[in-house]
Amino acid sequence: MKLEDIEQVTSDIDVSPLYEALSTLKSPYREIIQLHVFDGYSLKEISKKYNKSESFAKVAFLRAKKMLREELMKNEM
């Protein structure tokens, strides 16, 4: 799903907390979320981009999702 598609679907939803939480993530976590979720890269493609194993991309993506979730929960309180 491209960013434009997400913006179209979420036009009535305030996504600023998501973008704020995403901006708190450090590299490479922020970039991996961006590439995989917003730009549609596969984890295999991301691993090649970083010259790392596919396991690296999978683990980094899972960690990034966890950090993003925690940041969103923290801001919700």
Protein backbone atom coordinates (compact mmCIF):
# COMPACT_ATOMS: atom_id res chain seq x y z
CA MET A 1 0.00 0.00 0.00
CA LYS A 2 1.42 3.34 -1.03
CA LEU A 3 1.39 6.44 1.14
CA GLU A 4 -1.13 8.07 -1.21
CA ASP A 5 -3.51 5.14 -0.69
CA ILE A 6 -3.14 5.41 3.07
CA GLU A 7 -3.79 9.14 2.96
CA GLN A 8 -6.92 8.59 0.88
CA VAL A 9 -8.28 5.96 3.28
CA THR A 10 -7.34 7.94 6.36
CA SER A 11 -8.39 11.38 5.17
CA ASP A 12 -10.92 11.61 8.01
CA ILE A 13 -8.55 10.17 10.61
CA ASP A 14 -5.89 12.17 12.45
CA VAL A 15 -2.70 10.30 11.60
CA SER A 16 -0.39 12.89 13.13
CA PRO A 17 0.20 10.74 16.26
CA LEU A 18 1.41 7.94 13.99
CA TYR A 19 3.83 10.22 12.16
CA GLU A 20 5.02 11.74 15.45
CA ALA A 21 5.65 8.28 16.91
CA LEU A 22 7.39 7.19 13.72
CA SER A 23 9.69 10.20 13.90
CA THR A 24 10.92 9.07 17.34
CA LEU A 25 12.30 5.80 15.97
CA LYS A 26 16.00 5.66 15.27
CA SER A 27 17.59 4.50 12.08
CA PRO A 28 17.30 1.84 10.66
CA TYR A 29 13.96 1.13 12.36
CA ARG A 30 12.22 4.22 11.00
CA GLU A 31 13.48 3.52 7.48
CA ILE A 32 12.47 -0.14 7.62
CA ILE A 33 8.91 0.79 8.62
CA GLN A 34 8.86 3.41 5.86
CA LEU A 35 10.18 1.03 3.22
CA HIS A 36 8.04 -1.96 4.17
CA VAL A 37 4.74 -0.39 5.18
CA PHE A 38 4.55 2.80 3.14
CA ASP A 39 6.73 2.02 0.11
CA GLY A 40 5.82 -1.66 -0.26
CA TYR A 41 9.33 -3.14 -0.18
CA SER A 42 9.54 -6.79 0.82
CA LEU A 43 11.75 -7.73 3.74
CA LYS A 44 14.01 -9.52 1.27
CA GLU A 45 14.42 -6.28 -0.72
CA ILE A 46 15.13 -4.37 2.47
CA SER A 47 17.78 -6.88 3.50
CA LYS A 48 19.52 -6.40 0.15
CA LYS A 49 19.35 -2.61 0.52
CA TYR A 50 21.16 -2.85 3.87
CA ASN A 51 23.50 -5.65 2.72
CA LYS A 52 22.24 -7.78 5.60
CA SER A 53 20.47 -11.09 5.94
CA GLU A 54 16.73 -11.42 5.54
CA SER A 55 16.64 -12.37 9.23
CA PHE A 56 18.06 -8.93 10.04
CA ALA A 57 15.20 -7.27 8.16
CA LYS A 58 12.57 -9.45 9.84
CA VAL A 59 13.91 -8.88 13.34
CA ALA A 60 14.41 -5.16 12.76
CA PHE A 61 10.86 -4.83 11.43
CA LEU A 62 9.41 -6.66 14.44
CA ARG A 63 11.42 -4.48 16.81
CA ALA A 64 10.36 -1.35 14.95
CA LYS A 65 6.69 -2.33 15.20
CA LYS A 66 7.10 -2.96 18.92
CA MET A 67 8.80 0.40 19.48
CA LEU A 68 6.16 2.18 17.40
CA ARG A 69 3.35 0.49 19.33
CA GLU A 70 4.95 1.42 22.66
CA GLU A 71 5.40 5.03 21.57
CA LEU A 72 1.77 5.26 20.45
CA MET A 73 0.56 3.75 23.73
CA LYS A 74 2.73 6.17 25.72
CA ASN A 75 1.29 9.15 23.87
CA GLU A 76 -2.25 7.83 24.29
CA MET A 77 -2.09 8.09 28.08
